[in-house]
Amino acid sequence: MFKKGGNLLMLNIPKMHKNCPLCSYTFERETGFFFGAMFVSYALAAALMIICLIIF
């Protein structure tokens, strides 16, 4: 998966291939990949804020 290994202690980030060398699967995320997590996170934060406002 990685072209060149990295060392996190030396702040060298590992380099990745854009495609899988065996099956040519694209490793890049598609457009809108994080939208679901963003909406769930927003809903949970809003619900927690409302609960805290009611209790305190």
PDB file of N, CA and C in Angstrom:
ATOM      1  N   MET A   1       0.818  -1.181   0.000  1.00  0.00           N
ATOM      2  CA  MET A   1       0.000   0.000   0.000  1.00  0.00           C
ATOM      3  C   MET A   1       0.874   1.262   0.000  1.00  0.00           C
ATOM      4  N   PHE A   2       1.999   1.228   0.663  1.00  0.00           N
ATOM      5  CA  PHE A   2       2.856   2.404   0.749  1.00  0.00           C
ATOM      6  C   PHE A   2       4.031   2.289  -0.213  1.00  0.00           C
ATOM      7  N   LYS A   3       4.355   3.403  -0.867  1.00  0.00           N
ATOM      8  CA  LYS A   3       5.536   3.463  -1.732  1.00  0.00           C
ATOM      9  C   LYS A   3       6.800   3.498  -0.895  1.00  0.00           C
ATOM     10  N   LYS A   4       6.767   4.356   0.100  1.00  0.00           N
ATOM     11  CA  LYS A   4       7.934   4.577   0.938  1.00  0.00           C
ATOM     12  C   LYS A   4       7.456   4.658   2.376  1.00  0.00           C
ATOM     13  N   GLY A   5       8.059   3.872   3.250  1.00  0.00           N
ATOM     14  CA  GLY A   5       7.685   3.905   4.657  1.00  0.00           C
ATOM     15  C   GLY A   5       8.130   5.199   5.310  1.00  0.00           C
ATOM     16  N   GLY A   6       7.434   5.589   6.341  1.00  0.00           N
ATOM     17  CA  GLY A   6       7.785   6.810   7.042  1.00  0.00           C
ATOM     18  C   GLY A   6       8.142   6.516   8.483  1.00  0.00           C
ATOM     19  N   ASN A   7       8.650   7.498   9.138  1.00  0.00           N
ATOM     20  CA  ASN A   7       8.992   7.406  10.543  1.00  0.00           C
ATOM     21  C   ASN A   7       8.280   8.552  11.236  1.00  0.00           C
ATOM     22  N   LEU A   8       7.251   8.222  12.015  1.00  0.00           N
ATOM     23  CA  LEU A   8       6.459   9.276  12.642  1.00  0.00           C
ATOM     24  C   LEU A   8       7.244  10.045  13.695  1.00  0.00           C
ATOM     25  N   LEU A   9       8.250   9.409  14.304  1.00  0.00           N
ATOM     26  CA  LEU A   9       9.065  10.120  15.289  1.00  0.00           C
ATOM     27  C   LEU A   9       9.933  11.185  14.634  1.00  0.00           C
ATOM     28  N   MET A  10      10.311  10.971  13.387  1.00  0.00           N
ATOM     29  CA  MET A  10      11.135  11.933  12.652  1.00  0.00           C
ATOM     30  C   MET A  10      10.270  12.847  11.776  1.00  0.00           C
ATOM     31  N   LEU A  11       8.959  12.756  11.922  1.00  0.00           N
ATOM     32  CA  LEU A  11       7.979  13.548  11.170  1.00  0.00           C
ATOM     33  C   LEU A  11       8.029  13.282   9.665  1.00  0.00           C
ATOM     34  N   ASN A  12       8.367  12.061   9.282  1.00  0.00           N
ATOM     35  CA  ASN A  12       8.316  11.652   7.880  1.00  0.00           C
ATOM     36  C   ASN A  12       7.028  10.875   7.654  1.00  0.00           C
ATOM     37  N   ILE A  13       6.138  11.418   6.865  1.00  0.00           N
ATOM     38  CA  ILE A  13       4.853  10.780   6.608  1.00  0.00           C
ATOM     39  C   ILE A  13       5.026   9.752   5.494  1.00  0.00           C
ATOM     40  N   PRO A  14       4.470   8.532   5.661  1.00  0.00           N
ATOM     41  CA  PRO A  14       4.594   7.528   4.599  1.00  0.00           C
ATOM     42  C   PRO A  14       3.894   7.981   3.319  1.00  0.00           C
ATOM     43  N   LYS A  15       4.453   7.645   2.178  1.00  0.00           N
ATOM     44  CA  LYS A  15       3.878   7.989   0.874  1.00  0.00           C
ATOM     45  C   LYS A  15       3.055   6.814   0.367  1.00  0.00           C
ATOM     46  N   MET A  16       1.853   7.100  -0.133  1.00  0.00           N
ATOM     47  CA  MET A  16       0.966   6.056  -0.642  1.00  0.00           C
ATOM     48  C   MET A  16       0.866   6.118  -2.155  1.00  0.00           C
ATOM     49  N   HIS A  17       0.573   4.975  -2.757  1.00  0.00           N
ATOM     50  CA  HIS A  17       0.246   4.928  -4.177  1.00  0.00           C
ATOM     51  C   HIS A  17      -1.141   5.525  -4.373  1.00  0.00           C
ATOM     52  N   LYS A  18      -1.422   6.090  -5.540  1.00  0.00           N
ATOM     53  CA  LYS A  18      -2.770   6.576  -5.825  1.00  0.00           C
ATOM     54  C   LYS A  18      -3.707   5.425  -6.152  1.00  0.00           C
ATOM     55  N   ASN A  19      -3.174   4.363  -6.768  1.00  0.00           N
ATOM     56  CA  ASN A  19      -3.961   3.180  -7.114  1.00  0.00           C
ATOM     57  C   ASN A  19      -3.250   1.939  -6.592  1.00  0.00           C
ATOM     58  N   CYS A  20      -4.015   0.890  -6.364  1.00  0.00           N
ATOM     59  CA  CYS A  20      -3.447  -0.388  -5.943  1.00  0.00           C
ATOM     60  C   CYS A  20      -2.623  -0.965  -7.091  1.00  0.00           C
ATOM     61  N   PRO A  21      -1.388  -1.396  -6.823  1.00  0.00           N
ATOM     62  CA  PRO A  21      -0.562  -1.943  -7.904  1.00  0.00           C
ATOM     63  C   PRO A  21      -1.105  -3.254  -8.479  1.00  0.00           C
ATOM     64  N   LEU A  22      -1.908  -3.996  -7.722  1.00  0.00           N
ATOM     65  CA  LEU A  22      -2.422  -5.281  -8.196  1.00  0.00           C
ATOM     66  C   LEU A  22      -3.754  -5.168  -8.931  1.00  0.00           C
ATOM     67  N   CYS A  23      -4.714  -4.432  -8.339  1.00  0.00           N
ATOM     68  CA  CYS A  23      -6.061  -4.404  -8.928  1.00  0.00           C
ATOM     69  C   CYS A  23      -6.467  -3.027  -9.438  1.00  0.00           C
ATOM     70  N   SER A  24      -5.623  -2.029  -9.322  1.00  0.00           N
ATOM     71  CA  SER A  24      -5.841  -0.639  -9.742  1.00  0.00           C
ATOM     72  C   SER A  24      -7.034   0.025  -9.055  1.00  0.00           C
ATOM     73  N   TYR A  25      -7.340  -0.405  -7.814  1.00  0.00           N
ATOM     74  CA  TYR A  25      -8.372   0.244  -7.006  1.00  0.00           C
ATOM     75  C   TYR A  25      -7.873   1.626  -6.596  1.00  0.00           C
ATOM     76  N   THR A  26      -8.724   2.640  -6.700  1.00  0.00           N
ATOM     77  CA  THR A  26      -8.341   4.010  -6.349  1.00  0.00           C
ATOM     78  C   THR A  26      -8.451   4.200  -4.838  1.00  0.00           C
ATOM     79  N   PHE A  27      -7.376   4.647  -4.212  1.00  0.00           N
ATOM     80  CA  PHE A  27      -7.355   4.852  -2.769  1.00  0.00           C
ATOM     81  C   PHE A  27      -7.923   6.206  -2.354  1.00  0.00           C
ATOM     82  N   GLU A  28      -8.146   7.114  -3.287  1.00  0.00           N
ATOM     83  CA  GLU A  28      -8.643   8.444  -2.941  1.00  0.00           C
ATOM     84  C   GLU A  28     -10.117   8.368  -2.556  1.00  0.00           C
ATOM     85  N   ARG A  29     -10.501   9.213  -1.628  1.00  0.00           N
ATOM     86  CA  ARG A  29     -11.893   9.243  -1.183  1.00  0.00           C
ATOM     87  C   ARG A  29     -12.736   9.988  -2.202  1.00  0.00           C
ATOM     88  N   GLU A  30     -13.979   9.551  -2.323  1.00  0.00           N
ATOM     89  CA  GLU A  30     -14.865  10.181  -3.289  1.00  0.00           C
ATOM     90  C   GLU A  30     -15.437  11.482  -2.727  1.00  0.00           C
ATOM     91  N   THR A  31     -16.017  12.279  -3.587  1.00  0.00           N
ATOM     92  CA  THR A  31     -16.619  13.543  -3.179  1.00  0.00           C
ATOM     93  C   THR A  31     -17.763  13.270  -2.209  1.00  0.00           C
ATOM     94  N   GLY A  32     -17.802  14.001  -1.107  1.00  0.00           N
ATOM     95  CA  GLY A  32     -18.863  13.835  -0.122  1.00  0.00           C
ATOM     96  C   GLY A  32     -18.633  12.693   0.844  1.00  0.00           C
ATOM     97  N   PHE A  33     -17.427  12.185   0.925  1.00  0.00           N
ATOM     98  CA  PHE A  33     -17.132  11.027   1.770  1.00  0.00           C
ATOM     99  C   PHE A  33     -17.417  11.320   3.243  1.00  0.00           C
ATOM    100  N   PHE A  34     -17.152  12.534   3.702  1.00  0.00           N
ATOM    101  CA  PHE A  34     -17.288  12.865   5.114  1.00  0.00           C
ATOM    102  C   PHE A  34     -18.626  13.511   5.475  1.00  0.00           C
ATOM    103  N   PHE A  35     -19.545  13.678   4.526  1.00  0.00           N
ATOM    104  CA  PHE A  35     -20.807  14.351   4.823  1.00  0.00           C
ATOM    105  C   PHE A  35     -21.626  13.610   5.874  1.00  0.00           C
ATOM    106  N   GLY A  36     -21.711  12.307   5.807  1.00  0.00           N
ATOM    107  CA  GLY A  36     -22.493  11.540   6.780  1.00  0.00           C
ATOM    108  C   GLY A  36     -21.966  11.726   8.189  1.00  0.00           C
ATOM    109  N   ALA A  37     -20.666  11.619   8.356  1.00  0.00           N
ATOM    110  CA  ALA A  37     -20.063  11.796   9.675  1.00  0.00           C
ATOM    111  C   ALA A  37     -20.254  13.224  10.174  1.00  0.00           C
ATOM    112  N   MET A  38     -20.213  14.192   9.267  1.00  0.00           N
ATOM    113  CA  MET A  38     -20.388  15.585   9.653  1.00  0.00           C
ATOM    114  C   MET A  38     -21.799  15.825  10.193  1.00  0.00           C
ATOM    115  N   PHE A  39     -22.814  15.278   9.519  1.00  0.00           N
ATOM    116  CA  PHE A  39     -24.192  15.478   9.964  1.00  0.00           C
ATOM    117  C   PHE A  39     -24.469  14.748  11.277  1.00  0.00           C
ATOM    118  N   VAL A  40     -23.953  13.549  11.439  1.00  0.00           N
ATOM    119  CA  VAL A  40     -24.145  12.812  12.692  1.00  0.00           C
ATOM    120  C   VAL A  40     -23.454  13.534  13.837  1.00  0.00           C
ATOM    121  N   SER A  41     -22.247  14.018  13.618  1.00  0.00           N
ATOM    122  CA  SER A  41     -21.518  14.740  14.650  1.00  0.00           C
ATOM    123  C   SER A  41     -22.252  16.023  15.047  1.00  0.00           C
ATOM    124  N   TYR A  42     -22.780  16.736  14.063  1.00  0.00           N
ATOM    125  CA  TYR A  42     -23.518  17.966  14.350  1.00  0.00           C
ATOM    126  C   TYR A  42     -24.776  17.657  15.152  1.00  0.00           C
ATOM    127  N   ALA A  43     -25.498  16.606  14.772  1.00  0.00           N
ATOM    128  CA  ALA A  43     -26.729  16.246  15.483  1.00  0.00           C
ATOM    129  C   ALA A  43     -26.429  15.839  16.924  1.00  0.00           C
ATOM    130  N   LEU A  44     -25.385  15.065  17.137  1.00  0.00           N
ATOM    131  CA  LEU A  44     -25.031  14.659  18.499  1.00  0.00           C
ATOM    132  C   LEU A  44     -24.592  15.856  19.341  1.00  0.00           C
ATOM    133  N   ALA A  45     -23.825  16.759  18.770  1.00  0.00           N
ATOM    134  CA  ALA A  45     -23.381  17.943  19.509  1.00  0.00           C
ATOM    135  C   ALA A  45     -24.562  18.843  19.854  1.00  0.00           C
ATOM    136  N   ALA A  46     -25.491  19.019  18.920  1.00  0.00           N
ATOM    137  CA  ALA A  46     -26.669  19.848  19.185  1.00  0.00           C
ATOM    138  C   ALA A  46     -27.541  19.214  20.261  1.00  0.00           C
ATOM    139  N   ALA A  47     -27.730  17.898  20.197  1.00  0.00           N
ATOM    140  CA  ALA A  47     -28.537  17.212  21.207  1.00  0.00           C
ATOM    141  C   ALA A  47     -27.889  17.319  22.581  1.00  0.00           C
ATOM    142  N   LEU A  48     -26.592  17.145  22.655  1.00  0.00           N
ATOM    143  CA  LEU A  48     -25.885  17.258  23.930  1.00  0.00           C
ATOM    144  C   LEU A  48     -25.975  18.676  24.482  1.00  0.00           C
ATOM    145  N   MET A  49     -25.879  19.671  23.619  1.00  0.00           N
ATOM    146  CA  MET A  49     -25.982  21.057  24.062  1.00  0.00           C
ATOM    147  C   MET A  49     -27.379  21.347  24.614  1.00  0.00           C
ATOM    148  N   ILE A  50     -28.403  20.859  23.954  1.00  0.00           N
ATOM    149  CA  ILE A  50     -29.775  21.083  24.420  1.00  0.00           C
ATOM    150  C   ILE A  50     -30.000  20.388  25.755  1.00  0.00           C
ATOM    151  N   ILE A  51     -29.502  19.165  25.902  1.00  0.00           N
ATOM    152  CA  ILE A  51     -29.642  18.445  27.171  1.00  0.00           C
ATOM    153  C   ILE A  51     -28.924  19.190  28.290  1.00  0.00           C
ATOM    154  N   CYS A  52     -27.732  19.691  28.027  1.00  0.00           N
ATOM    155  CA  CYS A  52     -26.991  20.442  29.047  1.00  0.00           C
ATOM    156  C   CYS A  52     -27.694  21.746  29.406  1.00  0.00           C
ATOM    157  N   LEU A  53     -28.294  22.411  28.430  1.00  0.00           N
ATOM    158  CA  LEU A  53     -29.027  23.645  28.718  1.00  0.00           C
ATOM    159  C   LEU A  53     -30.256  23.372  29.578  1.00  0.00           C
ATOM    160  N   ILE A  54     -30.910  22.249  29.362  1.00  0.00           N
ATOM    161  CA  ILE A  54     -32.098  21.909  30.150  1.00  0.00           C
ATOM    162  C   ILE A  54     -31.707  21.519  31.573  1.00  0.00           C
ATOM    163  N   ILE A  55     -30.659  20.731  31.723  1.00  0.00           N
ATOM    164  CA  ILE A  55     -30.261  20.235  33.045  1.00  0.00           C
ATOM    165  C   ILE A  55     -29.624  21.339  33.885  1.00  0.00           C
ATOM    166  N   PHE A  56     -28.738  22.129  33.286  1.00  0.00           N
ATOM    167  CA  PHE A  56     -28.024  23.140  34.059  1.00  0.00           C
ATOM    168  C   PHE A  56     -28.664  24.467  33.851  1.00  0.00           C
TER     169      PHE A  56
END
